[in-house]
Structures are given as structure tokens and as C-alpha cells.
C-alpha atoms as a PDB file:
ATOM      1  CA  MET A   1       0.000   0.000   0.000  1.00  0.00           C
ATOM      2  CA  PHE A   2       2.785   2.468   0.917  1.00  0.00           C
ATOM      3  CA  ASN A   3       5.418   0.721  -1.181  1.00  0.00           C
ATOM      4  CA  LYS A   4       7.326   2.346  -4.007  1.00  0.00           C
ATOM      5  CA  GLY A   5       5.140   2.361  -7.068  1.00  0.00           C
ATOM      6  CA  SER A   6       1.985   3.518  -5.292  1.00  0.00           C
ATOM      7  CA  LYS A   7       0.611   7.037  -5.372  1.00  0.00           C
ATOM      8  CA  LEU A   8       0.325   6.970  -1.575  1.00  0.00           C
ATOM      9  CA  TYR A   9       4.078   6.434  -1.291  1.00  0.00           C
ATOM     10  CA  SER A  10       4.783   9.519  -3.380  1.00  0.00           C
ATOM     11  CA  ILE A  11       2.115  11.588  -1.608  1.00  0.00           C
ATOM     12  CA  PHE A  12       3.238  10.817   1.935  1.00  0.00           C
ATOM     13  CA  THR A  13       6.999  10.881   1.291  1.00  0.00           C
ATOM     14  CA  GLY A  14       7.030  13.841  -1.116  1.00  0.00           C
ATOM     15  CA  SER A  15       9.121  11.849  -3.564  1.00  0.00           C
ATOM     16  CA  CYS A  16       9.217  12.230  -7.338  1.00  0.00           C
ATOM     17  CA  PRO A  17       5.870  11.022  -8.739  1.00  0.00           C
ATOM     18  CA  LYS A  18       7.563   9.384 -11.748  1.00  0.00           C
ATOM     19  CA  CYS A  19      10.422   7.397 -10.188  1.00  0.00           C
ATOM     20  CA  HIS A  20       9.972   7.751  -6.390  1.00  0.00           C
ATOM     21  CA  HIS A  21      13.742   8.131  -6.157  1.00  0.00           C
ATOM     22  CA  GLU A  22      14.241  11.462  -4.375  1.00  0.00           C
ATOM     23  CA  SER A  23      12.338  14.155  -2.498  1.00  0.00           C
ATOM     24  CA  MET A  24      10.781  16.941  -4.553  1.00  0.00           C
ATOM     25  CA  TYR A  25      11.563  19.415  -1.773  1.00  0.00           C
ATOM     26  CA  LYS A  26      14.917  21.018  -1.126  1.00  0.00           C
ATOM     27  CA  ASN A  27      14.469  20.590   2.637  1.00  0.00           C
ATOM     28  CA  LYS A  28      12.671  17.483   3.893  1.00  0.00           C
ATOM     29  CA  ASN A  29      11.600  19.250   7.093  1.00  0.00           C
ATOM     30  CA  PRO A  30       8.255  20.997   6.434  1.00  0.00           C
ATOM     31  CA  TYR A  31       8.616  23.007   9.649  1.00  0.00           C
ATOM     32  CA  ASN A  32      11.582  24.930   8.289  1.00  0.00           C
ATOM     33  CA  LEU A  33       9.084  27.587   7.235  1.00  0.00           C
ATOM     34  CA  GLY A  34      11.460  29.596   5.082  1.00  0.00           C
ATOM     35  CA  GLU A  35      12.014  26.584   2.838  1.00  0.00           C
ATOM     36  CA  ALA A  36       8.752  24.677   3.363  1.00  0.00           C
ATOM     37  CA  LEU A  37       7.566  24.950  -0.235  1.00  0.00           C
ATOM     38  CA  GLN A  38      10.885  25.315  -2.048  1.00  0.00           C
ATOM     39  CA  MET A  39      11.119  22.540  -4.602  1.00  0.00           C
ATOM     40  CA  HIS A  40      13.789  21.264  -6.936  1.00  0.00           C
ATOM     41  CA  ASP A  41      13.123  22.186 -10.564  1.00  0.00           C
ATOM     42  CA  HIS A  42      13.395  18.582 -11.691  1.00  0.00           C
ATOM     43  CA  CYS A  43      14.257  15.101 -10.426  1.00  0.00           C
ATOM     44  CA  SER A  44      17.969  14.332 -10.575  1.00  0.00           C
ATOM     45  CA  ASN A  45      17.190  10.672 -11.303  1.00  0.00           C
ATOM     46  CA  CYS A  46      14.589  10.777 -14.088  1.00  0.00           C
ATOM     47  CA  LYS A  47      14.745  14.505 -15.037  1.00  0.00           C
ATOM     48  CA  THR A  48      10.986  14.954 -14.526  1.00  0.00           C
ATOM     49  CA  LYS A  49      10.114  18.638 -14.396  1.00  0.00           C
ATOM     50  CA  TYR A  50       7.936  19.289 -11.339  1.00  0.00           C
ATOM     51  CA  LYS A  51       6.433  22.624 -12.387  1.00  0.00           C
ATOM     52  CA  ILE A  52       4.643  21.624 -15.559  1.00  0.00           C
ATOM     53  CA  GLU A  53       3.615  25.229 -16.148  1.00  0.00           C
ATOM     54  CA  PRO A  54       4.329  28.506 -14.310  1.00  0.00           C
ATOM     55  CA  SER A  55       1.210  28.491 -12.107  1.00  0.00           C
ATOM     56  CA  PHE A  56       0.867  24.725 -11.853  1.00  0.00           C
ATOM     57  CA  PHE A  57       0.632  24.512  -8.071  1.00  0.00           C
ATOM     58  CA  TYR A  58      -2.182  27.080  -7.784  1.00  0.00           C
ATOM     59  CA  GLY A  59      -4.525  24.131  -8.210  1.00  0.00           C
ATOM     60  CA  SER A  60      -3.180  22.623  -5.028  1.00  0.00           C
ATOM     61  CA  MET A  61      -4.989  25.388  -3.122  1.00  0.00           C
ATOM     62  CA  TYR A  62      -8.256  23.582  -3.863  1.00  0.00           C
ATOM     63  CA  VAL A  63      -6.786  20.330  -2.588  1.00  0.00           C
ATOM     64  CA  SER A  64      -5.483  22.187   0.478  1.00  0.00           C
ATOM     65  CA  TYR A  65      -9.027  23.173   1.394  1.00  0.00           C
ATOM     66  CA  GLY A  66     -10.127  19.523   1.417  1.00  0.00           C
ATOM     67  CA  VAL A  67      -7.070  18.348   3.329  1.00  0.00           C
ATOM     68  CA  GLY A  68      -7.566  21.155   5.868  1.00  0.00           C
ATOM     69  CA  ILE A  69     -11.205  20.114   6.329  1.00  0.00           C
ATOM     70  CA  ALA A  70     -10.072  16.514   6.941  1.00  0.00           C
ATOM     71  CA  PHE A  71      -7.632  17.684   9.638  1.00  0.00           C
ATOM     72  CA  ALA A  72     -10.331  19.914  11.183  1.00  0.00           C
ATOM     73  CA  VAL A  73     -12.858  17.067  11.264  1.00  0.00           C
ATOM     74  CA  ALA A  74     -10.277  14.794  12.894  1.00  0.00           C
ATOM     75  CA  ALA A  75      -9.556  17.480  15.505  1.00  0.00           C
ATOM     76  CA  PHE A  76     -13.285  17.875  16.139  1.00  0.00           C
ATOM     77  CA  ILE A  77     -13.880  14.147  16.580  1.00  0.00           C
ATOM     78  CA  ILE A  78     -10.884  13.694  18.882  1.00  0.00           C
ATOM     79  CA  SER A  79     -11.557  16.768  21.021  1.00  0.00           C
ATOM     80  CA  PHE A  80     -15.346  16.418  21.252  1.00  0.00           C
ATOM     81  CA  PHE A  81     -15.863  12.669  21.459  1.00  0.00           C
ATOM     82  CA  VAL A  82     -12.613  11.459  23.020  1.00  0.00           C
ATOM     83  CA  PHE A  83     -11.723  14.326  25.355  1.00  0.00           C
ATOM     84  CA  LYS A  84     -15.338  15.573  25.867  1.00  0.00           C
ATOM     85  CA  ALA A  85     -14.254  19.185  25.358  1.00  0.00           C
ATOM     86  CA  SER A  86     -16.693  22.101  25.400  1.00  0.00           C
ATOM     87  CA  LEU A  87     -17.553  23.889  22.158  1.00  0.00           C
ATOM     88  CA  MET A  88     -14.962  26.563  22.899  1.00  0.00           C
ATOM     89  CA  GLY A  89     -12.405  23.830  23.582  1.00  0.00           C
ATOM     90  CA  VAL A  90     -13.318  22.137  20.308  1.00  0.00           C
ATOM     91  CA  PHE A  91     -12.951  25.429  18.428  1.00  0.00           C
ATOM     92  CA  ILE A  92      -9.536  26.049  19.971  1.00  0.00           C
ATOM     93  CA  ALA A  93      -8.480  22.474  19.166  1.00  0.00           C
ATOM     94  CA  ILE A  94      -9.486  22.886  15.499  1.00  0.00           C
ATOM     95  CA  VAL A  95      -7.704  26.235  15.111  1.00  0.00           C
ATOM     96  CA  ALA A  96      -4.590  24.949  16.890  1.00  0.00           C
ATOM     97  CA  THR A  97      -4.556  21.806  14.726  1.00  0.00           C
ATOM     98  CA  LEU A  98      -4.784  23.814  11.516  1.00  0.00           C
ATOM     99  CA  ILE A  99      -2.004  26.169  12.612  1.00  0.00           C
ATOM    100  CA  VAL A 100       0.327  23.410  13.820  1.00  0.00           C
ATOM    101  CA  PHE A 101      -0.210  21.206  10.757  1.00  0.00           C
ATOM    102  CA  MET A 102      -0.248  24.006   8.142  1.00  0.00           C
ATOM    103  CA  PRO A 103       3.172  23.139   6.626  1.00  0.00           C
ATOM    104  CA  ILE A 104       2.205  19.476   6.378  1.00  0.00           C
ATOM    105  CA  ILE A 105      -1.188  20.330   4.857  1.00  0.00           C
ATOM    106  CA  LEU A 106       0.496  22.543   2.250  1.00  0.00           C
ATOM    107  CA  ARG A 107       2.987  19.853   1.266  1.00  0.00           C
ATOM    108  CA  LEU A 108       0.384  17.091   1.213  1.00  0.00           C
ATOM    109  CA  SER A 109      -1.767  19.244  -1.054  1.00  0.00           C
ATOM    110  CA  ARG A 110       1.085  19.817  -3.489  1.00  0.00           C
ATOM    111  CA  ASN A 111       1.935  16.118  -3.430  1.00  0.00           C
ATOM    112  CA  ILE A 112      -1.654  15.108  -4.124  1.00  0.00           C
ATOM    113  CA  TRP A 113      -1.968  17.704  -6.899  1.00  0.00           C
ATOM    114  CA  ILE A 114       1.165  16.623  -8.774  1.00  0.00           C
ATOM    115  CA  ASN A 115       0.239  12.939  -8.381  1.00  0.00           C
ATOM    116  CA  ILE A 116      -3.071  13.587 -10.120  1.00  0.00           C
ATOM    117  CA  PHE A 117      -1.169  14.544 -13.282  1.00  0.00           C
ATOM    118  CA  MET A 118       1.923  12.336 -13.097  1.00  0.00           C
ATOM    119  CA  HIS A 119       2.128   8.579 -12.719  1.00  0.00           C
ATOM    120  CA  TYR A 120       4.800   6.166 -11.537  1.00  0.00           C
ATOM    121  CA  ASP A 121       6.939   4.642 -14.287  1.00  0.00           C
ATOM    122  CA  LYS A 122       8.789   1.529 -13.151  1.00  0.00           C
ATOM    123  CA  ASN A 123      11.223   1.858 -16.070  1.00  0.00           C
ATOM    124  CA  LEU A 124      12.400   5.246 -14.779  1.00  0.00           C
ATOM    125  CA  ALA A 125      12.809   3.915 -11.256  1.00  0.00           C
ATOM    126  CA  LYS A 126      15.521   1.478 -12.339  1.00  0.00           C
ATOM    127  CA  LYS A 127      17.954   4.210 -13.405  1.00  0.00           C
END
């Protein structure tokens, strides 16, 4: 399921969607906020260009909304049903979750977006 060759592997590791050989990001740590979204121009293994067009990753903003909602729903369920928090506590938990996980949500969104348009090629992975 999370093995090389699956979209989930590329999405959760941030690796090249074509060969899964290296990270698309210059810094693997998403919490280094100055470099959180800085990407390599292309994969050094298979030469896949990550930015297909100049504004390619604008579409990931739509994905980011959905991913953010998923994180917010998870925060709601955990805080309300598990910890029995008040409505104000639930609200604070949701806001805190979205702030703390913002770099991860942004990267996941970009990873999902690029994996919609690019697919794993096992011939490129062997290079």
C-alpha cells in the first residue's frame, strides 16, 4: 500500500511522482518555514520537471481546502468525542490543529496535486 510504485508512497513521502527516487523538496523538514515549499526544478534521477507550467501549483490550493477540512474534522472528533471538550475547547483544538499542521497540509496538497497529473513509471525507477 505504501510501497514504491503507489501514489500513496509519493504523496506521503514527497518523492518524485515518476520514479519515487528522491524528495521533490529542497528541505525534507516541512517546519523549516522559510524553505517549506521550495522545490527542486526537476528530479535528478529521471529529469521529470515538477512545475509543468508557471502556475501549476495554484490548483493545489483547492486540494489544500479539502485536506484542511479533513484535519479539522479529525480534531473535532478527537476533542469532542474522546476528550469531551466544550464547544470553545473544540474550536480552539481545530484552530490549533490547523495552525500546527499548516506546513504538512500545504505539502500534502502539493503532493496530491502533482500525483493527479503524473504517474509512476517503473522503467524510470531502475535508473
